[in-house]
C-alpha atoms as a PDB file:
ATOM      1  CA  MET A   1       3.169   1.440  25.612  1.00  0.00           C
ATOM      2  CA  LYS A   2       3.335   4.850  23.850  1.00  0.00           C
ATOM      3  CA  LEU A   3       4.353   5.182  20.244  1.00  0.00           C
ATOM      4  CA  HIS A   4       7.636   7.055  19.709  1.00  0.00           C
ATOM      5  CA  GLU A   5       7.605  10.689  18.790  1.00  0.00           C
ATOM      6  CA  PRO A   6       7.765  11.387  15.031  1.00  0.00           C
ATOM      7  CA  ASP A   7      11.297  11.413  13.568  1.00  0.00           C
ATOM      8  CA  GLU A   8      13.006   9.798  16.484  1.00  0.00           C
ATOM      9  CA  GLU A   9      15.915   7.590  15.381  1.00  0.00           C
ATOM     10  CA  GLY A  10      16.030   3.829  15.904  1.00  0.00           C
ATOM     11  CA  PHE A  11      12.335   3.195  15.265  1.00  0.00           C
ATOM     12  CA  GLY A  12      10.571   1.694  12.252  1.00  0.00           C
ATOM     13  CA  ARG A  13       8.858   3.967   9.725  1.00  0.00           C
ATOM     14  CA  ILE A  14       4.988   3.677   9.533  1.00  0.00           C
ATOM     15  CA  VAL A  15       3.787   3.780   5.861  1.00  0.00           C
ATOM     16  CA  ALA A  16       0.111   3.875   5.126  1.00  0.00           C
ATOM     17  CA  VAL A  17      -1.201   2.719   1.724  1.00  0.00           C
ATOM     18  CA  THR A  18      -4.547   4.418   1.235  1.00  0.00           C
ATOM     19  CA  SER A  19      -7.187   5.781  -1.137  1.00  0.00           C
ATOM     20  CA  GLY A  20     -10.391   7.583  -1.041  1.00  0.00           C
ATOM     21  CA  LYS A  21     -12.271   5.154  -3.273  1.00  0.00           C
ATOM     22  CA  GLY A  22     -12.478   1.341  -2.930  1.00  0.00           C
ATOM     23  CA  GLY A  23     -11.373  -1.125  -5.693  1.00  0.00           C
ATOM     24  CA  VAL A  24      -8.328   0.844  -6.758  1.00  0.00           C
ATOM     25  CA  GLY A  25      -5.737  -1.785  -5.815  1.00  0.00           C
ATOM     26  CA  LYS A  26      -4.572  -0.762  -2.330  1.00  0.00           C
ATOM     27  CA  THR A  27      -4.078  -4.325  -1.023  1.00  0.00           C
ATOM     28  CA  THR A  28      -2.554  -5.461  -4.260  1.00  0.00           C
ATOM     29  CA  SER A  29      -0.120  -2.502  -3.923  1.00  0.00           C
ATOM     30  CA  ALA A  30       0.467  -2.951  -0.142  1.00  0.00           C
ATOM     31  CA  ALA A  31       1.417  -6.642  -0.729  1.00  0.00           C
ATOM     32  CA  SER A  32       3.842  -5.932  -3.577  1.00  0.00           C
ATOM     33  CA  PHE A  33       5.334  -2.882  -1.923  1.00  0.00           C
ATOM     34  CA  ALA A  34       5.956  -4.832   1.354  1.00  0.00           C
ATOM     35  CA  MET A  35       7.420  -7.882  -0.513  1.00  0.00           C
ATOM     36  CA  GLY A  36       9.457  -5.491  -2.762  1.00  0.00           C
ATOM     37  CA  ILE A  37      11.099  -3.807   0.232  1.00  0.00           C
ATOM     38  CA  ALA A  38      11.768  -7.150   1.992  1.00  0.00           C
ATOM     39  CA  ALA A  39      13.324  -8.506  -1.216  1.00  0.00           C
ATOM     40  CA  LYS A  40      15.416  -5.417  -1.783  1.00  0.00           C
ATOM     41  CA  ASP A  41      17.270  -5.623   1.471  1.00  0.00           C
ATOM     42  CA  GLU A  42      17.015  -8.798   3.474  1.00  0.00           C
ATOM     43  CA  SER A  43      18.638  -7.085   6.418  1.00  0.00           C
ATOM     44  CA  LYS A  44      15.498  -4.867   6.781  1.00  0.00           C
ATOM     45  CA  LYS A  45      12.558  -6.225   8.615  1.00  0.00           C
ATOM     46  CA  VAL A  46       9.165  -5.459   7.136  1.00  0.00           C
ATOM     47  CA  CYS A  47       5.668  -5.915   8.703  1.00  0.00           C
ATOM     48  CA  VAL A  48       2.368  -5.289   6.810  1.00  0.00           C
ATOM     49  CA  ILE A  49      -0.870  -4.942   8.689  1.00  0.00           C
ATOM     50  CA  ASP A  50      -4.463  -5.363   7.329  1.00  0.00           C
ATOM     51  CA  PHE A  51      -6.556  -2.531   8.728  1.00  0.00           C
ATOM     52  CA  ASP A  52      -9.776  -3.530   6.921  1.00  0.00           C
ATOM     53  CA  ILE A  53     -11.476  -5.069   9.972  1.00  0.00           C
ATOM     54  CA  GLY A  54     -14.258  -7.481   8.948  1.00  0.00           C
ATOM     55  CA  LEU A  55     -13.154  -7.648   5.327  1.00  0.00           C
ATOM     56  CA  ARG A  56      -9.589  -8.961   5.371  1.00  0.00           C
ATOM     57  CA  ASN A  57      -7.938  -9.808   2.094  1.00  0.00           C
ATOM     58  CA  LEU A  58      -4.273  -9.129   2.652  1.00  0.00           C
ATOM     59  CA  ASP A  59      -3.715 -12.758   3.786  1.00  0.00           C
ATOM     60  CA  ILE A  60      -5.034 -13.960   0.434  1.00  0.00           C
ATOM     61  CA  HIS A  61      -2.708 -11.708  -1.485  1.00  0.00           C
ATOM     62  CA  LEU A  62       0.322 -13.112   0.443  1.00  0.00           C
ATOM     63  CA  GLY A  63      -0.912 -16.729   0.276  1.00  0.00           C
ATOM     64  CA  ALA A  64      -1.278 -17.017   4.087  1.00  0.00           C
ATOM     65  CA  GLU A  65      -5.051 -17.371   4.497  1.00  0.00           C
ATOM     66  CA  ARG A  66      -4.745 -20.838   5.984  1.00  0.00           C
ATOM     67  CA  ARG A  67      -2.102 -19.759   8.511  1.00  0.00           C
ATOM     68  CA  VAL A  68      -4.099 -17.141  10.341  1.00  0.00           C
ATOM     69  CA  ILE A  69      -4.759 -18.106  13.974  1.00  0.00           C
ATOM     70  CA  PHE A  70      -4.699 -14.727  15.888  1.00  0.00           C
ATOM     71  CA  ASP A  71      -5.477 -11.364  14.287  1.00  0.00           C
ATOM     72  CA  PHE A  72      -5.064  -7.629  14.866  1.00  0.00           C
ATOM     73  CA  ILE A  73      -8.093  -7.355  17.160  1.00  0.00           C
ATOM     74  CA  ASN A  74      -6.871 -10.362  19.183  1.00  0.00           C
ATOM     75  CA  VAL A  75      -3.648  -8.408  19.841  1.00  0.00           C
ATOM     76  CA  ILE A  76      -5.508  -5.187  20.789  1.00  0.00           C
ATOM     77  CA  ASN A  77      -7.779  -7.206  23.146  1.00  0.00           C
ATOM     78  CA  GLU A  78      -4.724  -8.859  24.715  1.00  0.00           C
ATOM     79  CA  ASP A  79      -5.994 -12.330  23.721  1.00  0.00           C
ATOM     80  CA  CYS A  80      -2.465 -12.956  22.397  1.00  0.00           C
ATOM     81  CA  THR A  81       0.887 -11.266  21.978  1.00  0.00           C
ATOM     82  CA  VAL A  82       2.051  -9.502  18.835  1.00  0.00           C
ATOM     83  CA  GLY A  83       4.523 -12.347  18.237  1.00  0.00           C
ATOM     84  CA  GLN A  84       1.810 -14.945  18.360  1.00  0.00           C
ATOM     85  CA  ALA A  85      -0.277 -13.126  15.747  1.00  0.00           C
ATOM     86  CA  LEU A  86       2.522 -12.339  13.258  1.00  0.00           C
ATOM     87  CA  ILE A  87       2.818 -14.629  10.254  1.00  0.00           C
ATOM     88  CA  LYS A  88       6.182 -14.940   8.632  1.00  0.00           C
ATOM     89  CA  ASP A  89       6.327 -15.092   4.836  1.00  0.00           C
ATOM     90  CA  LYS A  90       7.719 -18.328   3.641  1.00  0.00           C
ATOM     91  CA  ARG A  91       9.578 -16.685   0.743  1.00  0.00           C
ATOM     92  CA  TYR A  92      11.125 -13.818   2.698  1.00  0.00           C
ATOM     93  CA  PRO A  93      11.738 -14.487   6.450  1.00  0.00           C
ATOM     94  CA  ASN A  94      12.220 -10.675   6.940  1.00  0.00           C
ATOM     95  CA  LEU A  95       8.565 -10.100   5.916  1.00  0.00           C
ATOM     96  CA  SER A  96       5.726 -10.620   8.432  1.00  0.00           C
ATOM     97  CA  MET A  97       1.979  -9.980   8.200  1.00  0.00           C
ATOM     98  CA  LEU A  98      -0.666  -9.192  10.885  1.00  0.00           C
ATOM     99  CA  ALA A  99      -4.102 -10.157   9.640  1.00  0.00           C
ATOM    100  CA  ALA A 100      -7.419  -8.250  10.105  1.00  0.00           C
ATOM    101  CA  SER A 101     -10.255  -9.843  11.986  1.00  0.00           C
ATOM    102  CA  GLN A 102     -13.129 -11.336   9.939  1.00  0.00           C
ATOM    103  CA  THR A 103     -15.558 -11.506  12.714  1.00  0.00           C
ATOM    104  CA  LYS A 104     -15.227  -8.129  14.422  1.00  0.00           C
ATOM    105  CA  ASP A 105     -16.393  -4.682  13.253  1.00  0.00           C
ATOM    106  CA  LYS A 106     -14.340  -1.554  12.729  1.00  0.00           C
ATOM    107  CA  ASP A 107     -15.343  -0.166  16.116  1.00  0.00           C
ATOM    108  CA  SER A 108     -13.082  -2.651  17.630  1.00  0.00           C
ATOM    109  CA  LEU A 109     -10.159  -0.435  16.734  1.00  0.00           C
ATOM    110  CA  THR A 110      -9.216   2.115  19.369  1.00  0.00           C
ATOM    111  CA  VAL A 111      -6.519   4.801  19.248  1.00  0.00           C
ATOM    112  CA  GLU A 112      -4.951   3.362  22.431  1.00  0.00           C
ATOM    113  CA  GLY A 113      -5.008  -0.132  21.130  1.00  0.00           C
ATOM    114  CA  VAL A 114      -3.616   0.701  17.715  1.00  0.00           C
ATOM    115  CA  GLU A 115      -0.922   2.852  19.302  1.00  0.00           C
ATOM    116  CA  HIS A 116       0.239   0.038  21.549  1.00  0.00           C
ATOM    117  CA  VAL A 117       0.451  -2.483  18.659  1.00  0.00           C
ATOM    118  CA  LEU A 118       2.386   0.007  16.489  1.00  0.00           C
ATOM    119  CA  ALA A 119       4.667   0.979  19.373  1.00  0.00           C
ATOM    120  CA  THR A 120       5.615  -2.720  19.702  1.00  0.00           C
ATOM    121  CA  LEU A 121       6.143  -3.178  15.985  1.00  0.00           C
ATOM    122  CA  THR A 122       8.123  -0.120  15.359  1.00  0.00           C
ATOM    123  CA  GLN A 123      10.695  -1.403  17.825  1.00  0.00           C
ATOM    124  CA  GLN A 124      10.982  -4.662  15.980  1.00  0.00           C
ATOM    125  CA  PHE A 125      10.577  -3.674  12.277  1.00  0.00           C
ATOM    126  CA  ASP A 126      12.274  -1.171  10.041  1.00  0.00           C
ATOM    127  CA  TYR A 127       9.064  -0.637   7.987  1.00  0.00           C
ATOM    128  CA  VAL A 128       5.542  -1.108   9.290  1.00  0.00           C
ATOM    129  CA  ILE A 129       3.133  -0.869   6.308  1.00  0.00           C
ATOM    130  CA  LEU A 130      -0.561  -0.295   6.896  1.00  0.00           C
ATOM    131  CA  ASP A 131      -3.022  -1.577   4.339  1.00  0.00           C
ATOM    132  CA  SER A 132      -5.776   0.883   4.919  1.00  0.00           C
ATOM    133  CA  PRO A 133      -9.417   0.494   3.917  1.00  0.00           C
ATOM    134  CA  ALA A 134     -10.954   3.033   1.532  1.00  0.00           C
ATOM    135  CA  GLY A 135     -12.444   6.362   2.568  1.00  0.00           C
ATOM    136  CA  ILE A 136     -12.595   8.102   5.892  1.00  0.00           C
ATOM    137  CA  GLU A 137     -13.951   5.403   8.311  1.00  0.00           C
ATOM    138  CA  SER A 138     -12.568   4.003  11.493  1.00  0.00           C
ATOM    139  CA  GLY A 139      -9.911   1.676  10.026  1.00  0.00           C
ATOM    140  CA  ALA A 140      -8.686   4.364   7.563  1.00  0.00           C
ATOM    141  CA  LYS A 141      -8.619   7.101  10.244  1.00  0.00           C
ATOM    142  CA  HIS A 142      -6.462   5.012  12.578  1.00  0.00           C
ATOM    143  CA  ALA A 143      -4.094   4.059   9.806  1.00  0.00           C
ATOM    144  CA  MET A 144      -3.833   7.707   8.570  1.00  0.00           C
ATOM    145  CA  TYR A 145      -3.418   9.063  12.156  1.00  0.00           C
ATOM    146  CA  PHE A 146      -0.206   7.261  12.930  1.00  0.00           C
ATOM    147  CA  ALA A 147       1.458   7.394   9.512  1.00  0.00           C
ATOM    148  CA  ASP A 148       4.869   8.731   8.858  1.00  0.00           C
ATOM    149  CA  ASP A 149       4.426   8.365   5.116  1.00  0.00           C
ATOM    150  CA  ALA A 150       1.343   7.875   3.047  1.00  0.00           C
ATOM    151  CA  ILE A 151       1.095   6.311  -0.476  1.00  0.00           C
ATOM    152  CA  VAL A 152      -2.147   7.578  -1.976  1.00  0.00           C
ATOM    153  CA  VAL A 153      -3.516   5.193  -4.527  1.00  0.00           C
ATOM    154  CA  THR A 154      -5.816   6.305  -7.414  1.00  0.00           C
ATOM    155  CA  ASN A 155      -7.107   5.103 -10.698  1.00  0.00           C
ATOM    156  CA  PRO A 156      -7.159   7.438 -13.775  1.00  0.00           C
ATOM    157  CA  GLU A 157     -10.808   8.426 -13.334  1.00  0.00           C
ATOM    158  CA  LEU A 158     -12.199  11.539 -11.957  1.00  0.00           C
ATOM    159  CA  SER A 159     -14.253  10.064  -9.186  1.00  0.00           C
ATOM    160  CA  SER A 160     -11.254   8.193  -7.835  1.00  0.00           C
ATOM    161  CA  CYS A 161      -9.107  11.337  -7.956  1.00  0.00           C
ATOM    162  CA  ARG A 162     -11.752  13.416  -6.254  1.00  0.00           C
ATOM    163  CA  ASP A 163     -11.915  10.922  -3.305  1.00  0.00           C
ATOM    164  CA  ALA A 164      -8.137  10.684  -3.150  1.00  0.00           C
ATOM    165  CA  ASP A 165      -7.969  14.549  -2.889  1.00  0.00           C
ATOM    166  CA  LYS A 166     -10.162  14.217   0.277  1.00  0.00           C
ATOM    167  CA  MET A 167      -7.826  11.750   1.763  1.00  0.00           C
ATOM    168  CA  ILE A 168      -4.860  13.988   1.072  1.00  0.00           C
ATOM    169  CA  GLY A 169      -6.520  16.844   2.998  1.00  0.00           C
ATOM    170  CA  PHE A 170      -7.413  14.511   5.799  1.00  0.00           C
ATOM    171  CA  ILE A 171      -3.864  13.233   6.213  1.00  0.00           C
ATOM    172  CA  SER A 172      -2.411  16.802   6.102  1.00  0.00           C
ATOM    173  CA  SER A 173      -4.740  18.127   8.877  1.00  0.00           C
ATOM    174  CA  ARG A 174      -5.640  15.180  11.158  1.00  0.00           C
ATOM    175  CA  SER A 175      -2.587  13.026  11.467  1.00  0.00           C
ATOM    176  CA  ARG A 176      -0.694  12.582  14.703  1.00  0.00           C
ATOM    177  CA  ARG A 177       2.132  14.555  13.162  1.00  0.00           C
ATOM    178  CA  ALA A 178      -0.204  17.451  12.449  1.00  0.00           C
ATOM    179  CA  GLU A 179      -1.425  17.416  16.067  1.00  0.00           C
ATOM    180  CA  LEU A 180       2.115  17.418  17.439  1.00  0.00           C
ATOM    181  CA  GLY A 181       3.291  20.108  15.042  1.00  0.00           C
ATOM    182  CA  ALA A 182       5.925  17.758  13.679  1.00  0.00           C
ATOM    183  CA  ALA A 183       7.033  17.484  10.084  1.00  0.00           C
ATOM    184  CA  GLN A 184       4.157  16.674   7.841  1.00  0.00           C
ATOM    185  CA  VAL A 185       3.360  13.156   6.718  1.00  0.00           C
ATOM    186  CA  THR A 186       5.218  12.569   3.453  1.00  0.00           C
ATOM    187  CA  GLN A 187       2.588  11.880   0.764  1.00  0.00           C
ATOM    188  CA  THR A 188       3.228  10.423  -2.657  1.00  0.00           C
ATOM    189  CA  LEU A 189       1.036   9.276  -5.448  1.00  0.00           C
ATOM    190  CA  LEU A 190       0.577   5.788  -6.919  1.00  0.00           C
ATOM    191  CA  ILE A 191      -1.458   5.506 -10.088  1.00  0.00           C
ATOM    192  CA  THR A 192      -2.841   2.039 -10.779  1.00  0.00           C
ATOM    193  CA  ARG A 193      -4.646   0.418 -13.746  1.00  0.00           C
ATOM    194  CA  TYR A 194      -3.134   2.933 -16.168  1.00  0.00           C
ATOM    195  CA  ASP A 195      -3.763   2.424 -19.823  1.00  0.00           C
ATOM    196  CA  PRO A 196      -1.735   4.871 -21.986  1.00  0.00           C
ATOM    197  CA  GLU A 197      -3.776   4.121 -25.099  1.00  0.00           C
ATOM    198  CA  ARG A 198      -6.990   5.169 -23.368  1.00  0.00           C
ATOM    199  CA  ALA A 199      -5.310   8.268 -21.938  1.00  0.00           C
ATOM    200  CA  ASP A 200      -4.069   9.258 -25.452  1.00  0.00           C
ATOM    201  CA  LYS A 201      -7.670   8.972 -26.707  1.00  0.00           C
ATOM    202  CA  ASN A 202      -8.926  11.096 -23.865  1.00  0.00           C
ATOM    203  CA  GLU A 203     -10.959   8.076 -22.569  1.00  0.00           C
ATOM    204  CA  SER A 204      -9.312   8.387 -19.135  1.00  0.00           C
ATOM    205  CA  LEU A 205      -7.155  10.914 -17.229  1.00  0.00           C
ATOM    206  CA  SER A 206      -3.536  11.243 -18.147  1.00  0.00           C
ATOM    207  CA  ILE A 207      -0.661  11.211 -15.705  1.00  0.00           C
ATOM    208  CA  ALA A 208      -0.384  14.931 -16.013  1.00  0.00           C
ATOM    209  CA  ASP A 209      -4.105  15.448 -15.437  1.00  0.00           C
ATOM    210  CA  ILE A 210      -3.899  13.382 -12.234  1.00  0.00           C
ATOM    211  CA  GLN A 211      -0.884  15.217 -10.905  1.00  0.00           C
ATOM    212  CA  ASP A 212      -2.520  18.518 -11.657  1.00  0.00           C
ATOM    213  CA  LEU A 213      -5.638  17.474  -9.694  1.00  0.00           C
ATOM    214  CA  LEU A 214      -3.735  15.996  -6.697  1.00  0.00           C
ATOM    215  CA  GLY A 215      -0.549  17.942  -6.572  1.00  0.00           C
ATOM    216  CA  LEU A 216       1.645  14.999  -5.277  1.00  0.00           C
ATOM    217  CA  ASP A 217       4.945  13.549  -6.442  1.00  0.00           C
ATOM    218  CA  LEU A 218       4.649  10.267  -8.273  1.00  0.00           C
ATOM    219  CA  VAL A 219       6.021   7.181  -6.572  1.00  0.00           C
ATOM    220  CA  GLY A 220       4.824   4.902  -9.344  1.00  0.00           C
ATOM    221  CA  VAL A 221       2.457   4.188 -12.313  1.00  0.00           C
ATOM    222  CA  ILE A 222       1.191   0.562 -12.516  1.00  0.00           C
ATOM    223  CA  PRO A 223      -0.171  -0.460 -15.912  1.00  0.00           C
ATOM    224  CA  GLU A 224      -3.266  -2.563 -16.540  1.00  0.00           C
ATOM    225  CA  SER A 225      -2.255  -6.242 -16.264  1.00  0.00           C
ATOM    226  CA  LYS A 226      -3.990  -9.542 -16.351  1.00  0.00           C
ATOM    227  CA  ALA A 227      -1.206 -10.932 -14.282  1.00  0.00           C
ATOM    228  CA  ILE A 228      -2.453  -9.048 -11.174  1.00  0.00           C
ATOM    229  CA  LEU A 229      -5.660 -11.176 -10.898  1.00  0.00           C
ATOM    230  CA  THR A 230      -3.739 -14.375 -11.630  1.00  0.00           C
ATOM    231  CA  CYS A 231      -1.098 -13.639  -8.943  1.00  0.00           C
ATOM    232  CA  THR A 232      -3.778 -12.675  -6.302  1.00  0.00           C
ATOM    233  CA  ASN A 233      -5.564 -16.012  -6.890  1.00  0.00           C
ATOM    234  CA  LEU A 234      -2.233 -17.748  -6.465  1.00  0.00           C
ATOM    235  CA  GLY A 235      -1.344 -15.864  -3.289  1.00  0.00           C
ATOM    236  CA  THR A 236       1.764 -14.380  -4.924  1.00  0.00           C
ATOM    237  CA  PRO A 237       2.218 -10.544  -5.085  1.00  0.00           C
ATOM    238  CA  VAL A 238       2.691  -9.580  -8.710  1.00  0.00           C
ATOM    239  CA  ILE A 239       6.054  -7.930  -7.940  1.00  0.00           C
ATOM    240  CA  SER A 240       7.446 -11.431  -7.492  1.00  0.00           C
ATOM    241  CA  SER A 241       6.016 -12.921 -10.705  1.00  0.00           C
ATOM    242  CA  ASN A 242       8.298 -14.084 -13.453  1.00  0.00           C
ATOM    243  CA  SER A 243      10.730 -11.566 -14.919  1.00  0.00           C
ATOM    244  CA  HIS A 244      10.226  -7.871 -14.616  1.00  0.00           C
ATOM    245  CA  LEU A 245      10.849  -7.703 -18.390  1.00  0.00           C
ATOM    246  CA  GLU A 246       7.990 -10.173 -19.042  1.00  0.00           C
ATOM    247  CA  ASP A 247       5.424  -8.546 -16.830  1.00  0.00           C
ATOM    248  CA  PRO A 248       4.992  -4.741 -16.844  1.00  0.00           C
ATOM    249  CA  ALA A 249       3.103  -4.576 -13.555  1.00  0.00           C
ATOM    250  CA  SER A 250       5.804  -6.470 -11.773  1.00  0.00           C
ATOM    251  CA  GLY A 251       8.444  -4.105 -13.210  1.00  0.00           C
ATOM    252  CA  ALA A 252       6.390  -1.072 -12.361  1.00  0.00           C
ATOM    253  CA  TYR A 253       6.018  -2.144  -8.703  1.00  0.00           C
ATOM    254  CA  SER A 254       9.700  -2.803  -8.538  1.00  0.00           C
ATOM    255  CA  ASP A 255      10.401   0.710  -9.784  1.00  0.00           C
ATOM    256  CA  MET A 256       7.985   2.025  -7.174  1.00  0.00           C
ATOM    257  CA  VAL A 257       9.839   0.450  -4.359  1.00  0.00           C
ATOM    258  CA  ASP A 258      13.113   1.859  -5.714  1.00  0.00           C
ATOM    259  CA  ARG A 259      11.722   5.357  -5.879  1.00  0.00           C
ATOM    260  CA  PHE A 260      10.273   5.097  -2.312  1.00  0.00           C
ATOM    261  CA  LEU A 261      13.734   4.224  -1.099  1.00  0.00           C
ATOM    262  CA  GLY A 262      15.244   7.204  -2.847  1.00  0.00           C
ATOM    263  CA  GLU A 263      16.509   5.866  -6.216  1.00  0.00           C
ATOM    264  CA  GLU A 264      15.990   7.903  -9.390  1.00  0.00           C
ATOM    265  CA  LYS A 265      13.931   5.838 -11.817  1.00  0.00           C
ATOM    266  CA  GLU A 266      12.488   6.868 -15.083  1.00  0.00           C
ATOM    267  CA  LEU A 267       8.788   5.964 -15.516  1.00  0.00           C
ATOM    268  CA  ARG A 268       8.127   2.945 -17.674  1.00  0.00           C
ATOM    269  CA  PHE A 269       5.012   1.456 -19.320  1.00  0.00           C
ATOM    270  CA  THR A 270       3.400   4.908 -19.479  1.00  0.00           C
ATOM    271  CA  THR A 271       3.300   5.387 -23.342  1.00  0.00           C
ATOM    272  CA  ALA A 272       1.307   3.421 -25.888  1.00  0.00           C
ATOM    273  CA  GLU A 273       3.044   0.764 -27.858  1.00  0.00           C
ATOM    274  CA  PRO A 274       3.458   1.684 -31.490  1.00  0.00           C
ATOM    275  CA  ALA A 275       1.131  -0.255 -33.763  1.00  0.00           C
ATOM    276  CA  SER A 276       2.784  -3.152 -35.655  1.00  0.00           C
ATOM    277  CA  PHE A 277       2.981  -3.272 -39.387  1.00  0.00           C
ATOM    278  CA  PHE A 278       0.209  -5.964 -39.670  1.00  0.00           C
ATOM    279  CA  SER A 279      -2.170  -4.035 -37.264  1.00  0.00           C
ATOM    280  CA  ARG A 280      -1.679  -0.903 -39.379  1.00  0.00           C
ATOM    281  CA  ILE A 281      -2.512  -2.779 -42.541  1.00  0.00           C
ATOM    282  CA  PHE A 282      -5.380  -4.923 -41.181  1.00  0.00           C
ATOM    283  CA  GLY A 283      -6.680  -2.605 -38.440  1.00  0.00           C
END
């Protein structure tokens, strides 16, 4: 089965969440992004796929690690159907996940196999979100190749931005859209682990610095948050944790989803909190 041509109507949108450097929060972001879209409009069907073959983690972030029977490679090898491998989220029935294999290596991915799976999924889902591994290796190349949109994740550090810049160039020149001469992959920037106090002290890059380096429009800025680790361990994406007013990371991911869907949202959690009276007195 061949994937539809870019920009054909009636097919789901393929969105890759990627980065050049590991450990920047791609899987955290992919899980919250997928759940956020599913929660925003329950009439829209969302599927998120773990492309990190051999090192799967998306199932943990979504609290589905004990429910994985078949995986992405099983589908490619025709050991099962796509429907047998999909795991429906218990909180949002319109959200499904396709897990990566823990026992195979990245060479198990083939262009033809990935294309067949995505062709099937884009007929069933409005959004197919690809949780790409870091860098330019097999899993990332396959995810980037078929993307309609790419969310490039970076931390406010120079090495992370430099590696992200390589990914931006790769997506622009080597995607399926580029090969077909279709409209370019829409790329936006997601900054994670942002600490405005450190940026103000020039201990990390500022938002303006990062945008100057990478030249992409911002889809979101996620502040440092202890809640992210807690939520990951509980199998609950941080976007669904408590009230958006209580948890800045949850609110920032919610804003990111809204921006991706075309809403105008001012950036929040990007300026340092003013020091309290007692902290000014006692340091």
